[in-house]
């Protein structure tokens, strides 16, 4: 089962994990597969046994995937609603790209949005441009 460490008492070598099912599980330092004892809010994979967690391993990707999905979906909506501003926000805040890369993509999206929207053919290119940047922003977020 996947979960997150809520805390670890240094005095008793006992801690608490909240599982994906919402239940709390106690654990001891000896229950970790490796000797590294992670801190609070670290994602772990464990075997539940009553209200105890055993065979605990650090799982870096299990909790990260959920936040990436949320950021990816948010990026889609922000880009579709706000256009090039959404590209700026998605790439700067969610993907955490350098400002130079953010400005290049935002400028290209701005050009597609403002110059090509005037003629009817431009509107088609505009829609394709918005969909392209929406998909690219989503993929970029999901790589994080």
N, C-alpha and C. Protein backbone atom coordinates (compact mmCIF):
# COMPACT_ATOMS: atom_id res chain seq x y z
N UNK A 1 0.85 -1.17 0.00
CA UNK A 1 0.00 0.00 0.00
C UNK A 1 0.90 1.23 0.00
N UNK A 2 0.39 2.30 -0.58
CA UNK A 2 1.12 3.55 -0.61
C UNK A 2 0.68 4.44 0.54
N UNK A 3 1.58 5.26 1.03
CA UNK A 3 1.24 6.17 2.12
C UNK A 3 2.29 7.24 2.29
N UNK A 4 2.08 8.05 3.32
CA UNK A 4 2.98 9.16 3.61
C UNK A 4 3.26 9.17 5.11
N UNK A 5 4.52 9.41 5.46
CA UNK A 5 4.90 9.45 6.88
C UNK A 5 4.37 10.74 7.50
N UNK A 6 3.64 10.57 8.60
CA UNK A 6 3.13 11.73 9.33
C UNK A 6 4.12 12.23 10.36
N UNK A 7 4.90 11.32 10.91
CA UNK A 7 5.88 11.72 11.91
C UNK A 7 6.59 10.51 12.49
N UNK A 8 7.69 10.79 13.20
CA UNK A 8 8.49 9.75 13.82
C UNK A 8 9.01 10.28 15.15
N UNK A 9 8.74 9.54 16.22
CA UNK A 9 9.22 9.91 17.54
C UNK A 9 10.66 9.43 17.70
N UNK A 10 11.56 10.36 18.02
CA UNK A 10 12.97 9.98 18.17
C UNK A 10 13.19 9.19 19.45
N UNK A 11 12.34 9.41 20.44
CA UNK A 11 12.51 8.73 21.73
C UNK A 11 12.11 7.26 21.66
N UNK A 12 10.99 6.97 21.01
CA UNK A 12 10.48 5.60 21.02
C UNK A 12 10.76 4.83 19.73
N UNK A 13 11.38 5.47 18.74
CA UNK A 13 11.63 4.83 17.45
C UNK A 13 10.35 4.35 16.78
N UNK A 14 9.26 5.01 17.08
CA UNK A 14 7.96 4.65 16.52
C UNK A 14 7.40 5.84 15.75
N UNK A 15 6.69 5.56 14.67
CA UNK A 15 6.12 6.62 13.87
C UNK A 15 4.75 6.25 13.34
N UNK A 16 4.20 7.17 12.53
CA UNK A 16 2.86 6.97 11.98
C UNK A 16 2.88 7.25 10.48
N UNK A 17 2.19 6.39 9.75
CA UNK A 17 2.01 6.55 8.31
C UNK A 17 0.52 6.66 8.04
N UNK A 18 0.15 7.57 7.15
CA UNK A 18 -1.24 7.60 6.69
C UNK A 18 -1.27 6.95 5.32
N UNK A 19 -2.08 5.91 5.19
CA UNK A 19 -2.17 5.18 3.94
C UNK A 19 -3.10 5.86 2.95
N UNK A 20 -3.03 5.42 1.70
CA UNK A 20 -3.91 5.95 0.67
C UNK A 20 -5.38 5.67 0.99
N UNK A 21 -5.61 4.69 1.84
CA UNK A 21 -6.99 4.36 2.24
C UNK A 21 -7.50 5.29 3.35
N UNK A 22 -6.63 6.20 3.84
CA UNK A 22 -7.05 7.15 4.87
C UNK A 22 -6.80 6.67 6.28
N UNK A 23 -6.40 5.43 6.45
CA UNK A 23 -6.14 4.88 7.79
C UNK A 23 -4.71 5.18 8.21
N UNK A 24 -4.52 5.23 9.53
CA UNK A 24 -3.19 5.47 10.10
C UNK A 24 -2.58 4.14 10.53
N UNK A 25 -1.30 4.01 10.26
CA UNK A 25 -0.56 2.80 10.59
C UNK A 25 0.68 3.18 11.38
N UNK A 26 0.95 2.45 12.46
CA UNK A 26 2.16 2.69 13.24
C UNK A 26 3.29 1.84 12.67
N UNK A 27 4.51 2.31 12.88
CA UNK A 27 5.67 1.56 12.42
C UNK A 27 6.83 1.82 13.37
N UNK A 28 7.82 0.96 13.28
CA UNK A 28 9.05 1.09 14.04
C UNK A 28 10.20 1.24 13.05
N UNK A 29 11.30 1.83 13.50
CA UNK A 29 12.45 2.02 12.62
C UNK A 29 12.91 0.71 12.00
N UNK A 30 12.79 -0.36 12.75
CA UNK A 30 13.25 -1.66 12.25
C UNK A 30 12.42 -2.17 11.08
N UNK A 31 11.24 -1.56 10.83
CA UNK A 31 10.36 -2.01 9.75
C UNK A 31 10.81 -1.50 8.38
N UNK A 32 11.82 -0.61 8.34
CA UNK A 32 12.29 -0.10 7.05
C UNK A 32 13.23 -1.10 6.42
N UNK A 33 13.10 -1.27 5.10
CA UNK A 33 13.93 -2.22 4.36
C UNK A 33 15.39 -1.78 4.33
N UNK A 34 15.62 -0.49 4.13
CA UNK A 34 17.00 0.01 4.17
C UNK A 34 17.21 0.73 5.50
N UNK A 35 18.41 1.14 5.75
CA UNK A 35 18.74 1.74 7.04
C UNK A 35 18.38 3.22 7.12
N UNK A 36 18.03 3.84 5.99
CA UNK A 36 17.69 5.25 5.97
C UNK A 36 16.28 5.45 6.50
N UNK A 37 16.14 6.29 7.50
CA UNK A 37 14.83 6.60 8.06
C UNK A 37 14.42 7.98 7.53
N UNK A 38 13.39 8.00 6.68
CA UNK A 38 12.98 9.29 6.12
C UNK A 38 12.21 10.13 7.12
N UNK A 39 12.05 11.39 6.79
CA UNK A 39 11.34 12.32 7.66
C UNK A 39 9.87 12.43 7.30
N UNK A 40 9.27 13.44 7.87
CA UNK A 40 7.84 13.71 7.69
C UNK A 40 7.52 13.99 6.22
N UNK A 41 6.34 13.58 5.79
CA UNK A 41 5.79 13.81 4.44
C UNK A 41 6.51 13.05 3.33
N UNK A 42 7.30 12.05 3.67
CA UNK A 42 7.96 11.24 2.65
C UNK A 42 7.01 10.12 2.23
N UNK A 43 6.91 9.89 0.93
CA UNK A 43 6.04 8.83 0.41
C UNK A 43 6.71 7.47 0.61
N UNK A 44 5.92 6.52 1.03
CA UNK A 44 6.43 5.18 1.27
C UNK A 44 5.46 4.14 0.73
N UNK A 45 6.00 2.95 0.51
CA UNK A 45 5.19 1.80 0.16
C UNK A 45 5.38 0.79 1.30
N UNK A 46 4.29 0.22 1.78
CA UNK A 46 4.39 -0.66 2.94
C UNK A 46 3.33 -1.76 2.86
N UNK A 47 3.50 -2.74 3.74
CA UNK A 47 2.52 -3.81 3.87
C UNK A 47 1.72 -3.57 5.15
N UNK A 48 0.40 -3.36 5.03
CA UNK A 48 -0.41 -3.15 6.23
C UNK A 48 -0.70 -4.48 6.92
N UNK A 49 -0.61 -4.48 8.24
CA UNK A 49 -0.93 -5.65 9.04
C UNK A 49 -1.67 -5.15 10.28
N UNK A 50 -2.99 -5.30 10.29
CA UNK A 50 -3.86 -4.67 11.27
C UNK A 50 -3.63 -3.16 11.19
N UNK A 51 -3.19 -2.53 12.24
CA UNK A 51 -2.91 -1.09 12.20
C UNK A 51 -1.42 -0.81 12.23
N UNK A 52 -0.64 -1.77 11.76
CA UNK A 52 0.81 -1.62 11.75
C UNK A 52 1.33 -1.70 10.31
N UNK A 53 2.39 -0.96 10.04
CA UNK A 53 3.03 -0.97 8.73
C UNK A 53 4.33 -1.75 8.83
N UNK A 54 4.53 -2.68 7.91
CA UNK A 54 5.77 -3.46 7.87
C UNK A 54 6.33 -3.41 6.45
N UNK A 55 7.55 -3.86 6.30
CA UNK A 55 8.23 -3.90 5.00
C UNK A 55 8.13 -2.54 4.29
N UNK A 56 8.58 -1.51 4.96
CA UNK A 56 8.43 -0.14 4.47
C UNK A 56 9.60 0.21 3.56
N UNK A 57 9.27 0.77 2.40
CA UNK A 57 10.28 1.25 1.45
C UNK A 57 9.92 2.66 1.01
N UNK A 58 10.93 3.47 0.77
CA UNK A 58 10.69 4.82 0.26
C UNK A 58 10.21 4.72 -1.18
N UNK A 59 9.19 5.47 -1.51
CA UNK A 59 8.60 5.45 -2.85
C UNK A 59 8.49 6.89 -3.33
N UNK A 60 9.48 7.34 -4.11
CA UNK A 60 9.52 8.74 -4.53
C UNK A 60 8.47 9.08 -5.57
N UNK A 61 8.08 8.12 -6.38
CA UNK A 61 7.18 8.43 -7.50
C UNK A 61 5.70 8.29 -7.15
N UNK A 62 5.38 7.54 -6.11
CA UNK A 62 3.97 7.23 -5.86
C UNK A 62 3.13 8.46 -5.53
N UNK A 63 3.61 9.35 -4.71
CA UNK A 63 2.84 10.55 -4.35
C UNK A 63 3.06 11.67 -5.36
N UNK A 64 4.22 11.67 -5.99
CA UNK A 64 4.52 12.71 -6.96
C UNK A 64 3.60 12.64 -8.16
N UNK A 65 3.23 11.42 -8.57
CA UNK A 65 2.37 11.25 -9.74
C UNK A 65 1.03 11.95 -9.56
N UNK A 66 0.45 11.85 -8.36
CA UNK A 66 -0.85 12.49 -8.13
C UNK A 66 -0.77 14.00 -8.26
N UNK A 67 0.30 14.61 -7.73
CA UNK A 67 0.40 16.05 -7.84
C UNK A 67 0.67 16.46 -9.28
N UNK A 68 1.43 15.65 -10.03
CA UNK A 68 1.66 15.95 -11.43
C UNK A 68 0.37 15.88 -12.24
N UNK A 69 -0.48 14.94 -11.94
CA UNK A 69 -1.76 14.83 -12.65
C UNK A 69 -2.60 16.07 -12.37
N UNK A 70 -2.64 16.50 -11.13
CA UNK A 70 -3.41 17.69 -10.78
C UNK A 70 -2.83 18.92 -11.47
N UNK A 71 -1.49 19.06 -11.45
CA UNK A 71 -0.85 20.18 -12.12
C UNK A 71 -1.07 20.11 -13.63
N UNK A 72 -1.01 18.91 -14.19
CA UNK A 72 -1.21 18.74 -15.62
C UNK A 72 -2.61 19.14 -16.05
N UNK A 73 -3.62 18.70 -15.32
CA UNK A 73 -5.01 19.06 -15.63
C UNK A 73 -5.23 20.55 -15.43
N UNK A 74 -4.66 21.09 -14.35
CA UNK A 74 -4.77 22.53 -14.11
C UNK A 74 -4.11 23.31 -15.25
N UNK A 75 -2.97 22.81 -15.72
CA UNK A 75 -2.27 23.44 -16.83
C UNK A 75 -3.13 23.47 -18.09
N UNK A 76 -3.85 22.39 -18.35
CA UNK A 76 -4.73 22.34 -19.51
C UNK A 76 -5.79 23.43 -19.42
N UNK A 77 -6.47 23.52 -18.29
CA UNK A 77 -7.52 24.52 -18.13
C UNK A 77 -6.99 25.95 -18.17
N UNK A 78 -5.86 26.17 -17.51
CA UNK A 78 -5.30 27.52 -17.50
C UNK A 78 -4.90 27.94 -18.92
N UNK A 79 -4.29 27.02 -19.67
CA UNK A 79 -3.86 27.37 -21.03
C UNK A 79 -5.06 27.57 -21.95
N UNK A 80 -6.08 26.74 -21.82
CA UNK A 80 -7.27 26.91 -22.67
C UNK A 80 -8.03 28.19 -22.34
N UNK A 81 -8.10 28.54 -21.08
CA UNK A 81 -8.87 29.73 -20.68
C UNK A 81 -8.08 31.01 -20.89
N UNK A 82 -6.83 31.03 -20.47
CA UNK A 82 -6.05 32.26 -20.50
C UNK A 82 -5.06 32.35 -21.65
N UNK A 83 -4.97 31.33 -22.48
CA UNK A 83 -4.10 31.37 -23.65
C UNK A 83 -2.63 31.46 -23.28
N UNK A 84 -1.94 32.45 -23.85
CA UNK A 84 -0.49 32.56 -23.65
C UNK A 84 -0.14 32.84 -22.19
N UNK A 85 -1.03 33.47 -21.46
CA UNK A 85 -0.79 33.70 -20.02
C UNK A 85 -0.78 32.35 -19.29
N UNK A 86 -1.65 31.45 -19.72
CA UNK A 86 -1.66 30.10 -19.16
C UNK A 86 -0.38 29.35 -19.44
N UNK A 87 0.18 29.56 -20.64
CA UNK A 87 1.47 28.94 -20.96
C UNK A 87 2.55 29.48 -20.03
N UNK A 88 2.54 30.78 -19.81
CA UNK A 88 3.52 31.39 -18.91
C UNK A 88 3.40 30.81 -17.50
N UNK A 89 2.18 30.76 -16.97
CA UNK A 89 1.95 30.27 -15.61
C UNK A 89 2.32 28.79 -15.50
N UNK A 90 1.87 27.99 -16.47
CA UNK A 90 2.12 26.54 -16.44
C UNK A 90 3.61 26.22 -16.44
N UNK A 91 4.33 26.89 -17.32
CA UNK A 91 5.75 26.58 -17.45
C UNK A 91 6.60 27.16 -16.32
N UNK A 92 6.21 28.31 -15.81
CA UNK A 92 6.98 28.94 -14.74
C UNK A 92 6.69 28.32 -13.38
N UNK A 93 5.40 28.19 -13.05
CA UNK A 93 5.04 27.74 -11.70
C UNK A 93 4.94 26.23 -11.57
N UNK A 94 4.39 25.56 -12.58
CA UNK A 94 4.18 24.11 -12.45
C UNK A 94 5.39 23.31 -12.92
N UNK A 95 5.92 23.65 -14.11
CA UNK A 95 7.06 22.90 -14.64
C UNK A 95 8.39 23.41 -14.09
N UNK A 96 8.39 24.61 -13.51
CA UNK A 96 9.58 25.21 -12.90
C UNK A 96 10.75 25.30 -13.90
N UNK A 97 10.41 25.75 -15.11
CA UNK A 97 11.44 25.94 -16.13
C UNK A 97 12.15 27.27 -15.92
N UNK A 98 13.36 27.41 -16.47
CA UNK A 98 14.05 28.71 -16.40
C UNK A 98 13.25 29.77 -17.14
N UNK A 99 13.35 31.00 -16.70
CA UNK A 99 12.55 32.09 -17.24
C UNK A 99 12.78 32.28 -18.74
N UNK A 100 14.00 32.02 -19.22
CA UNK A 100 14.29 32.16 -20.64
C UNK A 100 13.43 31.21 -21.47
N UNK A 101 13.35 29.95 -21.06
CA UNK A 101 12.53 28.97 -21.77
C UNK A 101 11.05 29.33 -21.68
N UNK A 102 10.64 29.84 -20.53
CA UNK A 102 9.24 30.24 -20.34
C UNK A 102 8.88 31.38 -21.28
N UNK A 103 9.76 32.37 -21.37
CA UNK A 103 9.49 33.54 -22.21
C UNK A 103 9.46 33.20 -23.69
N UNK A 104 10.31 32.28 -24.13
CA UNK A 104 10.30 31.87 -25.55
C UNK A 104 8.97 31.23 -25.90
N UNK A 105 8.53 30.27 -25.11
CA UNK A 105 7.25 29.60 -25.39
C UNK A 105 6.08 30.56 -25.27
N UNK A 106 6.12 31.43 -24.27
CA UNK A 106 5.04 32.39 -24.08
C UNK A 106 4.97 33.39 -25.24
N UNK A 107 6.12 33.83 -25.71
CA UNK A 107 6.16 34.75 -26.85
C UNK A 107 5.60 34.09 -28.10
N UNK A 108 6.02 32.86 -28.36
CA UNK A 108 5.48 32.13 -29.52
C UNK A 108 3.96 31.97 -29.41
N UNK A 109 3.50 31.61 -28.23
CA UNK A 109 2.06 31.45 -28.02
C UNK A 109 1.35 32.79 -28.19
N UNK A 110 1.95 33.85 -27.72
CA UNK A 110 1.37 35.20 -27.87
C UNK A 110 1.25 35.56 -29.35
N UNK A 111 2.30 35.29 -30.13
CA UNK A 111 2.28 35.59 -31.57
C UNK A 111 1.17 34.81 -32.26
N UNK A 112 1.10 33.54 -31.96
CA UNK A 112 0.03 32.71 -32.53
C UNK A 112 -1.33 33.25 -32.13
N UNK A 113 -1.46 33.66 -30.88
CA UNK A 113 -2.75 34.11 -30.35
C UNK A 113 -3.19 35.46 -30.92
N UNK A 114 -2.28 36.40 -31.08
CA UNK A 114 -2.68 37.75 -31.46
C UNK A 114 -2.62 38.02 -32.96
N UNK A 115 -1.57 37.59 -33.62
CA UNK A 115 -1.41 37.91 -35.03
C UNK A 115 -2.26 37.00 -35.92
N UNK A 116 -2.28 35.73 -35.62
CA UNK A 116 -2.95 34.78 -36.51
C UNK A 116 -4.45 34.65 -36.24
N UNK A 117 -4.97 35.30 -35.23
CA UNK A 117 -6.38 35.16 -34.94
C UNK A 117 -7.25 36.05 -35.86
N UNK A 118 -6.67 37.03 -36.52
CA UNK A 118 -7.44 37.98 -37.30
C UNK A 118 -8.16 37.33 -38.48
N UNK A 119 -7.49 36.73 -39.45
CA UNK A 119 -8.24 36.11 -40.54
C UNK A 119 -8.83 34.76 -40.13
N UNK A 120 -9.74 34.27 -40.94
CA UNK A 120 -10.39 32.99 -40.63
C UNK A 120 -9.37 31.87 -40.60
N UNK A 121 -8.45 31.87 -41.53
CA UNK A 121 -7.40 30.86 -41.52
C UNK A 121 -6.56 30.99 -40.25
N UNK A 122 -6.36 32.24 -39.84
CA UNK A 122 -5.64 32.49 -38.60
C UNK A 122 -6.34 31.91 -37.39
N UNK A 123 -7.66 31.92 -37.41
CA UNK A 123 -8.41 31.34 -36.29
C UNK A 123 -8.15 29.84 -36.19
N UNK A 124 -8.09 29.17 -37.32
CA UNK A 124 -7.79 27.73 -37.31
C UNK A 124 -6.38 27.51 -36.76
N UNK A 125 -5.44 28.32 -37.22
CA UNK A 125 -4.06 28.21 -36.72
C UNK A 125 -4.02 28.54 -35.22
N UNK A 126 -4.84 29.52 -34.82
CA UNK A 126 -4.92 29.89 -33.40
C UNK A 126 -5.38 28.69 -32.57
N UNK A 127 -6.44 28.02 -32.99
CA UNK A 127 -6.97 26.87 -32.25
C UNK A 127 -5.92 25.76 -32.20
N UNK A 128 -5.28 25.51 -33.33
CA UNK A 128 -4.23 24.49 -33.35
C UNK A 128 -3.08 24.89 -32.41
N UNK A 129 -2.72 26.17 -32.44
CA UNK A 129 -1.65 26.66 -31.56
C UNK A 129 -1.99 26.49 -30.09
N UNK A 130 -3.23 26.85 -29.72
CA UNK A 130 -3.65 26.71 -28.33
C UNK A 130 -3.66 25.24 -27.93
N UNK A 131 -4.17 24.37 -28.78
CA UNK A 131 -4.19 22.94 -28.47
C UNK A 131 -2.77 22.38 -28.36
N UNK A 132 -1.89 22.82 -29.26
CA UNK A 132 -0.50 22.38 -29.21
C UNK A 132 0.15 22.75 -27.88
N UNK A 133 0.05 24.02 -27.49
CA UNK A 133 0.67 24.45 -26.25
C UNK A 133 -0.01 23.82 -25.04
N UNK A 134 -1.30 23.56 -25.14
CA UNK A 134 -1.99 22.88 -24.05
C UNK A 134 -1.42 21.48 -23.84
N UNK A 135 -1.27 20.74 -24.92
CA UNK A 135 -0.72 19.38 -24.84
C UNK A 135 0.74 19.43 -24.38
N UNK A 136 1.52 20.37 -24.92
CA UNK A 136 2.92 20.47 -24.52
C UNK A 136 3.07 20.81 -23.05
N UNK A 137 2.23 21.73 -22.56
CA UNK A 137 2.27 22.07 -21.13
C UNK A 137 1.93 20.87 -20.28
N UNK A 138 0.92 20.10 -20.68
CA UNK A 138 0.52 18.91 -19.94
C UNK A 138 1.66 17.90 -19.91
N UNK A 139 2.27 17.63 -21.05
CA UNK A 139 3.38 16.66 -21.11
C UNK A 139 4.54 17.12 -20.25
N UNK A 140 4.84 18.40 -20.28
CA UNK A 140 5.94 18.94 -19.51
C UNK A 140 5.71 18.76 -18.02
N UNK A 141 4.48 19.01 -17.59
CA UNK A 141 4.14 18.85 -16.18
C UNK A 141 4.22 17.39 -15.78
N UNK A 142 3.78 16.49 -16.62
CA UNK A 142 3.76 15.07 -16.28
C UNK A 142 5.17 14.48 -16.20
N UNK A 143 6.16 15.11 -16.84
CA UNK A 143 7.55 14.65 -16.75
C UNK A 143 8.18 14.95 -15.40
N UNK A 144 7.63 15.92 -14.67
CA UNK A 144 8.21 16.36 -13.40
C UNK A 144 8.17 15.27 -12.38
